[in-house]
Amino acid sequence: MPNTTTTAEKIFNRLKGLRAQMQSGEEPVLALPAIWDGGQSSNSTPCDVVITNQRLLGYYYKSFPRERVFIDAMNLADLRTITWREKNHEPVFREIQVKDGKRSVYIRTPRQKSEALYEALQAATSTNAVQTEPEPEATVDQPSTAATGQVQVQASKPKQAPVYNREQIRRPFEHTSLAAVLLLVGGIILEIVSLALLFTTHSTAISAPLFIAGFVAVAASFLARRQPQ
């Protein structure tokens, strides 16, 4: 197992300002670049995803053109489900969905980094689940030399680890990002060819159908990209 202190210091040195965001006794154990979608805005945020011994964070610090800090955090103890998702319409990226009972966060990374993140989350949340939390109070009678009184004691139970899942999400090819790219590129090529024919043959009867077909393909590519993911 890697030295935790050394790993933490490397992460602190790489991510400026992160040390100031740590809570008491908190140390980072993994940090990697990703796209964070916390559901709080319409746009995803490129940042570093940081796993600590207490929390999962999306974080970045920017000093130019003005100082700016982004941080969005979830407590490891609150996580309920962690799902690794592969989508056929996202050939490069994999997605990890994390739920804590109140909201969902989506983290997108290339496959190799996604596997590392998923395994690190499993390790961190499993370790966190070993800690104990009090059950509802139970009352027992305990004799005393002065009088018989009641003393309240608390039993403990382990926290439950999150549920880990793997999913494969399939979409029809015509609704994928690759289809949209092919339509866009094909449409542009058809329009270029139509213009070249127009300049060489001076015949709109020959060039117009190709130009119209290219325009339709380009329009279809934009429609495909606007389909919900």
Protein backbone atom coordinates (compact mmCIF):
# COMPACT_ATOMS: atom_id res chain seq x y z
CA MET A 1 0.00 0.00 0.00
CA PRO A 2 1.49 3.41 -0.96
CA ASN A 3 2.65 5.76 1.78
CA THR A 4 -0.41 7.94 2.51
CA THR A 5 1.59 10.97 3.66
CA THR A 6 3.80 10.96 0.56
CA THR A 7 0.78 10.59 -1.73
CA ALA A 8 -1.04 13.41 0.07
CA GLU A 9 1.95 15.76 -0.20
CA LYS A 10 2.30 15.06 -3.93
CA ILE A 11 -1.37 15.91 -4.44
CA PHE A 12 -1.09 19.07 -2.33
CA ASN A 13 1.95 20.16 -4.35
CA ARG A 14 0.16 19.58 -7.65
CA LEU A 15 -3.20 21.12 -6.74
CA LYS A 16 -2.65 24.64 -5.49
CA GLY A 17 -4.97 25.75 -2.69
CA LEU A 18 -6.30 22.25 -1.97
CA ARG A 19 -4.68 22.08 1.47
CA ALA A 20 -6.78 25.06 2.61
CA GLN A 21 -9.98 23.16 1.67
CA MET A 22 -9.22 20.16 3.88
CA GLN A 23 -11.14 19.44 7.06
CA SER A 24 -9.60 18.36 10.33
CA GLY A 25 -7.71 15.08 9.88
CA GLU A 26 -8.48 14.96 6.15
CA GLU A 27 -5.89 13.87 3.58
CA PRO A 28 -6.18 13.20 -0.18
CA VAL A 29 -5.44 9.68 -1.41
CA LEU A 30 -6.12 10.10 -5.15
CA ALA A 31 -6.49 12.98 -7.60
CA LEU A 32 -7.00 12.79 -11.35
CA PRO A 33 -8.41 15.03 -14.10
CA ALA A 34 -12.05 14.48 -15.02
CA ILE A 35 -15.31 16.15 -16.02
CA TRP A 36 -17.58 16.79 -13.02
CA ASP A 37 -21.33 17.15 -13.39
CA GLY A 38 -22.89 17.90 -10.03
CA GLY A 39 -26.34 18.66 -11.42
CA GLN A 40 -26.16 22.24 -10.14
CA SER A 41 -25.82 23.86 -13.57
CA SER A 42 -26.44 23.05 -17.21
CA ASN A 43 -22.70 22.70 -17.89
CA SER A 44 -20.17 20.12 -16.75
CA THR A 45 -16.93 21.29 -15.14
CA PRO A 46 -13.44 20.12 -16.15
CA CYS A 47 -11.54 19.78 -12.89
CA ASP A 48 -9.62 17.35 -10.71
CA VAL A 49 -11.55 14.66 -8.87
CA VAL A 50 -10.05 14.17 -5.43
CA ILE A 51 -10.73 11.27 -3.08
CA THR A 52 -9.77 11.88 0.54
CA ASN A 53 -10.19 9.74 3.63
CA GLN A 54 -13.44 11.66 4.28
CA ARG A 55 -14.86 13.09 1.06
CA LEU A 56 -15.15 12.95 -2.72
CA LEU A 57 -14.43 16.34 -4.27
CA GLY A 58 -14.50 18.10 -7.61
CA TYR A 59 -11.83 20.80 -7.38
CA TYR A 60 -9.85 23.36 -9.34
CA TYR A 61 -7.96 26.55 -8.60
CA LYS A 62 -7.34 29.25 -11.20
CA SER A 63 -5.26 32.37 -10.66
CA PHE A 64 -5.61 33.89 -14.15
CA PRO A 65 -7.21 36.15 -15.28
CA ARG A 66 -8.63 36.30 -11.75
CA GLU A 67 -8.45 34.03 -8.74
CA ARG A 68 -11.19 31.43 -8.76
CA VAL A 69 -11.83 28.23 -6.80
CA PHE A 70 -14.34 25.52 -7.68
CA ILE A 71 -15.15 22.88 -5.05
CA ASP A 72 -18.07 20.48 -4.83
CA ALA A 73 -17.96 17.74 -2.21
CA MET A 74 -19.78 14.62 -1.05
CA ASN A 75 -19.10 12.84 2.26
CA LEU A 76 -17.93 9.25 1.79
CA ALA A 77 -20.07 8.21 4.75
CA ASP A 78 -23.20 9.46 2.97
CA LEU A 79 -22.67 7.61 -0.34
CA ARG A 80 -25.35 5.04 -1.15
CA THR A 81 -24.61 3.83 -4.70
CA ILE A 82 -21.54 4.00 -6.95
CA THR A 83 -22.16 2.95 -10.56
CA TRP A 84 -19.54 2.55 -13.30
CA ARG A 85 -21.23 3.14 -16.64
CA GLU A 86 -20.11 2.42 -20.20
CA LYS A 87 -22.03 4.14 -23.01
CA ASN A 88 -21.69 3.11 -26.64
CA HIS A 89 -22.23 6.72 -27.73
CA GLU A 90 -19.18 7.84 -25.68
CA PRO A 91 -16.32 5.73 -27.12
CA VAL A 92 -13.55 7.57 -25.23
CA PHE A 93 -15.07 8.35 -21.84
CA ARG A 94 -16.56 6.23 -19.08
CA GLU A 95 -18.89 7.62 -16.45
CA ILE A 96 -19.19 7.03 -12.71
CA GLN A 97 -22.50 7.95 -11.10
CA VAL A 98 -22.33 8.62 -7.37
CA LYS A 99 -25.46 8.99 -5.22
CA ASP A 100 -25.76 10.02 -1.60
CA GLY A 101 -29.54 9.88 -1.20
CA LYS A 102 -29.99 13.60 -1.92
CA ARG A 103 -28.37 14.08 -5.33
CA SER A 104 -26.36 12.41 -8.07
CA VAL A 105 -22.94 13.38 -9.36
CA TYR A 106 -21.60 12.18 -12.72
CA ILE A 107 -17.84 11.92 -13.25
CA ARG A 108 -16.48 11.32 -16.77
CA THR A 109 -12.92 10.17 -17.44
CA PRO A 110 -11.10 8.01 -20.00
CA ARG A 111 -11.53 4.28 -19.33
CA GLN A 112 -8.21 3.64 -17.56
CA LYS A 113 -8.63 6.58 -15.19
CA SER A 114 -12.27 5.63 -14.66
CA GLU A 115 -11.27 2.15 -13.49
CA ALA A 116 -8.70 3.63 -11.09
CA LEU A 117 -11.28 6.05 -9.71
CA TYR A 118 -13.91 3.33 -9.29
CA GLU A 119 -11.47 1.06 -7.42
CA ALA A 120 -10.28 3.92 -5.22
CA LEU A 121 -13.86 4.82 -4.33
CA GLN A 122 -14.54 1.20 -3.39
CA ALA A 123 -11.46 1.11 -1.17
CA ALA A 124 -12.19 4.48 0.46
CA THR A 125 -15.87 3.80 1.15
CA SER A 126 -15.18 0.27 2.41
CA THR A 127 -12.62 1.65 4.86
CA ASN A 128 -15.03 4.39 5.89
CA ALA A 129 -17.80 1.84 6.47
CA VAL A 130 -15.76 0.08 9.16
CA GLN A 131 -16.26 3.09 11.41
CA THR A 132 -19.19 2.89 13.82
CA GLU A 133 -22.20 5.02 14.47
CA PRO A 134 -24.56 4.92 17.48
CA GLU A 135 -27.83 3.05 17.34
CA PRO A 136 -30.95 4.46 19.03
CA GLU A 137 -30.44 4.79 22.78
CA ALA A 138 -31.26 1.80 25.00
CA THR A 139 -32.08 2.16 28.71
CA VAL A 140 -30.83 -0.32 31.35
CA ASP A 141 -31.17 -0.41 35.14
CA GLN A 142 -27.98 -0.21 37.17
CA PRO A 143 -27.95 -0.36 41.01
CA SER A 144 -26.24 2.41 42.96
CA THR A 145 -25.14 2.70 46.62
CA ALA A 146 -27.24 5.81 46.98
CA ALA A 147 -30.26 4.85 44.93
CA THR A 148 -31.29 2.77 41.96
CA GLY A 149 -31.08 4.92 38.86
CA GLN A 150 -31.15 4.54 35.11
CA VAL A 151 -28.11 4.80 32.91
CA GLN A 152 -28.38 5.20 29.16
CA VAL A 153 -25.91 3.33 26.97
CA GLN A 154 -25.39 3.35 23.26
CA ALA A 155 -24.80 0.33 21.10
CA SER A 156 -22.85 0.65 17.89
CA LYS A 157 -23.20 -0.84 14.46
CA PRO A 158 -20.99 -0.64 11.38
CA LYS A 159 -21.95 1.84 8.70
CA GLN A 160 -23.22 0.14 5.57
CA ALA A 161 -20.97 0.33 2.53
CA PRO A 162 -22.47 1.70 -0.71
CA VAL A 163 -23.84 -0.58 -3.41
CA TYR A 164 -21.40 -0.94 -6.33
CA ASN A 165 -22.77 -1.49 -9.85
CA ARG A 166 -21.58 -1.75 -13.44
CA GLU A 167 -23.85 -0.81 -16.32
CA GLN A 168 -23.63 -0.80 -20.10
CA ILE A 169 -25.90 1.73 -21.81
CA ARG A 170 -26.64 1.15 -25.48
CA ARG A 171 -28.15 3.73 -27.81
CA PRO A 172 -29.08 3.40 -31.50
CA PHE A 173 -26.13 4.36 -33.70
CA GLU A 174 -28.04 7.23 -35.34
CA HIS A 175 -28.32 8.92 -31.92
CA THR A 176 -24.64 8.65 -31.04
CA SER A 177 -21.95 11.32 -31.14
CA LEU A 178 -20.05 9.35 -33.78
CA ALA A 179 -23.07 9.42 -36.10
CA ALA A 180 -23.36 13.20 -35.64
CA VAL A 181 -19.67 13.65 -36.51
CA LEU A 182 -19.96 11.45 -39.61
CA LEU A 183 -23.02 13.40 -40.79
CA LEU A 184 -21.24 16.72 -40.23
CA VAL A 185 -18.05 15.70 -42.04
CA GLY A 186 -19.96 14.02 -44.87
CA GLY A 187 -22.21 17.05 -45.30
CA ILE A 188 -19.26 19.45 -45.49
CA ILE A 189 -17.52 17.24 -48.06
CA LEU A 190 -20.68 17.15 -50.21
CA GLU A 191 -20.96 20.95 -50.11
CA ILE A 192 -17.30 21.37 -51.09
CA VAL A 193 -17.71 18.93 -53.98
CA SER A 194 -20.88 20.72 -55.14
CA LEU A 195 -19.09 24.09 -55.17
CA ALA A 196 -16.16 22.60 -57.08
CA LEU A 197 -18.56 21.17 -59.67
CA LEU A 198 -20.33 24.50 -59.96
CA PHE A 199 -17.06 26.33 -60.72
CA THR A 200 -15.90 23.70 -63.22
CA THR A 201 -19.15 22.85 -65.03
CA HIS A 202 -21.11 26.08 -64.37
CA SER A 203 -24.17 23.83 -64.06
CA THR A 204 -26.50 24.25 -61.10
CA ALA A 205 -28.40 21.14 -62.23
CA ILE A 206 -25.34 19.06 -61.33
CA SER A 207 -24.09 20.93 -58.24
CA ALA A 208 -27.40 21.88 -56.58
CA PRO A 209 -28.50 18.33 -55.55
CA LEU A 210 -25.13 17.68 -53.91
CA PHE A 211 -25.23 21.03 -52.11
CA ILE A 212 -28.76 20.35 -50.81
CA ALA A 213 -27.76 16.86 -49.68
CA GLY A 214 -24.74 18.29 -47.83
CA PHE A 215 -26.88 20.96 -46.17
CA VAL A 216 -29.38 18.34 -45.00
CA ALA A 217 -26.56 16.17 -43.59
CA VAL A 218 -25.07 19.10 -41.66
CA ALA A 219 -28.49 20.05 -40.26
CA ALA A 220 -29.13 16.43 -39.27
CA SER A 221 -25.79 16.31 -37.43
CA PHE A 222 -26.78 19.27 -35.26
CA LEU A 223 -30.17 17.68 -34.53
CA ALA A 224 -28.45 14.42 -33.56
CA ARG A 225 -26.12 16.23 -31.18
CA ARG A 226 -29.08 17.88 -29.46
CA GLN A 227 -30.67 14.53 -28.64
CA PRO A 228 -30.67 13.88 -24.87
CA GLN A 229 -27.67 11.83 -23.72
